[in-house]
């Protein structure tokens, strides 16, 4: 099953987040965009940290709504 974005324009922002998280973890991407040489552990580490950041953003937004 292919995943689809709830907000179609979010693709670029999610890609940017992926690169920022990877960079902060010291994981580099190949310049040609090929990910076949990436360790599964590194890909999972990046994905886990992206999820953590997205949950943090959502929690902050929800907290902001409840204080209004």
C-alpha atoms as a PDB file:
ATOM      1  CA  UNK A   1       0.000   0.000   0.000  1.00  0.00           C
ATOM      2  CA  UNK A   2       1.464   3.315  -1.044  1.00  0.00           C
ATOM      3  CA  UNK A   3       1.302   6.143   1.427  1.00  0.00           C
ATOM      4  CA  UNK A   4      -0.117   9.449   0.338  1.00  0.00           C
ATOM      5  CA  UNK A   5       0.348  12.835   1.897  1.00  0.00           C
ATOM      6  CA  UNK A   6      -2.581  14.486   3.624  1.00  0.00           C
ATOM      7  CA  UNK A   7      -1.163  17.859   2.553  1.00  0.00           C
ATOM      8  CA  UNK A   8       0.115  17.497  -1.037  1.00  0.00           C
ATOM      9  CA  UNK A   9       2.612  20.364  -0.744  1.00  0.00           C
ATOM     10  CA  UNK A  10       4.303  18.813   2.297  1.00  0.00           C
ATOM     11  CA  UNK A  11       6.630  16.606   0.253  1.00  0.00           C
ATOM     12  CA  UNK A  12       9.371  19.234  -0.057  1.00  0.00           C
ATOM     13  CA  UNK A  13       9.198  20.078   3.651  1.00  0.00           C
ATOM     14  CA  UNK A  14       9.449  16.399   4.601  1.00  0.00           C
ATOM     15  CA  UNK A  15      12.433  15.908   2.294  1.00  0.00           C
ATOM     16  CA  UNK A  16      14.115  18.936   3.854  1.00  0.00           C
ATOM     17  CA  UNK A  17      13.465  17.520   7.329  1.00  0.00           C
ATOM     18  CA  UNK A  18      14.961  14.175   6.250  1.00  0.00           C
ATOM     19  CA  UNK A  19      18.204  15.854   5.167  1.00  0.00           C
ATOM     20  CA  UNK A  20      18.382  18.045   8.272  1.00  0.00           C
ATOM     21  CA  UNK A  21      17.856  15.092  10.611  1.00  0.00           C
ATOM     22  CA  UNK A  22      20.413  12.985   8.750  1.00  0.00           C
ATOM     23  CA  UNK A  23      22.944  15.817   8.844  1.00  0.00           C
ATOM     24  CA  UNK A  24      22.410  16.330  12.588  1.00  0.00           C
ATOM     25  CA  UNK A  25      23.025  12.594  13.117  1.00  0.00           C
ATOM     26  CA  UNK A  26      26.191  12.642  11.003  1.00  0.00           C
ATOM     27  CA  UNK A  27      24.667  10.495   8.247  1.00  0.00           C
ATOM     28  CA  UNK A  28      25.331  11.598   4.683  1.00  0.00           C
ATOM     29  CA  UNK A  29      23.387  10.929   1.507  1.00  0.00           C
ATOM     30  CA  UNK A  30      24.920  10.176  -1.871  1.00  0.00           C
ATOM     31  CA  UNK A  31      24.888  13.193  -4.181  1.00  0.00           C
ATOM     32  CA  UNK A  32      23.098  11.216  -6.903  1.00  0.00           C
ATOM     33  CA  UNK A  33      20.134  10.407  -4.622  1.00  0.00           C
ATOM     34  CA  UNK A  34      20.867   6.655  -4.540  1.00  0.00           C
ATOM     35  CA  UNK A  35      20.105   5.196  -1.094  1.00  0.00           C
ATOM     36  CA  UNK A  36      21.066   1.575  -1.797  1.00  0.00           C
ATOM     37  CA  UNK A  37      24.348   1.884   0.097  1.00  0.00           C
ATOM     38  CA  UNK A  38      22.709   3.244   3.243  1.00  0.00           C
ATOM     39  CA  UNK A  39      22.638   0.934   6.231  1.00  0.00           C
ATOM     40  CA  UNK A  40      19.193  -0.178   7.334  1.00  0.00           C
ATOM     41  CA  UNK A  41      20.078   0.933  10.852  1.00  0.00           C
ATOM     42  CA  UNK A  42      20.848   4.456   9.597  1.00  0.00           C
ATOM     43  CA  UNK A  43      17.605   4.651   7.609  1.00  0.00           C
ATOM     44  CA  UNK A  44      15.652   3.545  10.692  1.00  0.00           C
ATOM     45  CA  UNK A  45      17.515   6.024  12.866  1.00  0.00           C
ATOM     46  CA  UNK A  46      16.630   8.860  10.481  1.00  0.00           C
ATOM     47  CA  UNK A  47      12.986   7.749  10.262  1.00  0.00           C
ATOM     48  CA  UNK A  48      12.672   7.409  14.029  1.00  0.00           C
ATOM     49  CA  UNK A  49      14.059  10.876  14.608  1.00  0.00           C
ATOM     50  CA  UNK A  50      11.781  12.371  11.953  1.00  0.00           C
ATOM     51  CA  UNK A  51       8.802  10.753  13.671  1.00  0.00           C
ATOM     52  CA  UNK A  52       9.967  12.108  17.026  1.00  0.00           C
ATOM     53  CA  UNK A  53      10.244  15.639  15.585  1.00  0.00           C
ATOM     54  CA  UNK A  54       6.817  15.443  13.904  1.00  0.00           C
ATOM     55  CA  UNK A  55       5.191  14.288  17.144  1.00  0.00           C
ATOM     56  CA  UNK A  56       6.910  17.125  19.009  1.00  0.00           C
ATOM     57  CA  UNK A  57       5.625  19.668  16.461  1.00  0.00           C
ATOM     58  CA  UNK A  58       2.088  18.252  16.696  1.00  0.00           C
ATOM     59  CA  UNK A  59       2.170  18.317  20.504  1.00  0.00           C
ATOM     60  CA  UNK A  60       3.268  21.962  20.478  1.00  0.00           C
ATOM     61  CA  UNK A  61       0.476  22.853  18.055  1.00  0.00           C
ATOM     62  CA  UNK A  62      -2.110  21.012  20.147  1.00  0.00           C
ATOM     63  CA  UNK A  63      -0.863  22.676  23.326  1.00  0.00           C
ATOM     64  CA  UNK A  64      -1.143  26.060  21.591  1.00  0.00           C
ATOM     65  CA  UNK A  65      -4.740  25.367  20.621  1.00  0.00           C
ATOM     66  CA  UNK A  66      -5.765  24.314  24.111  1.00  0.00           C
ATOM     67  CA  UNK A  67      -4.362  27.503  25.676  1.00  0.00           C
ATOM     68  CA  UNK A  68      -6.507  29.720  23.425  1.00  0.00           C
END
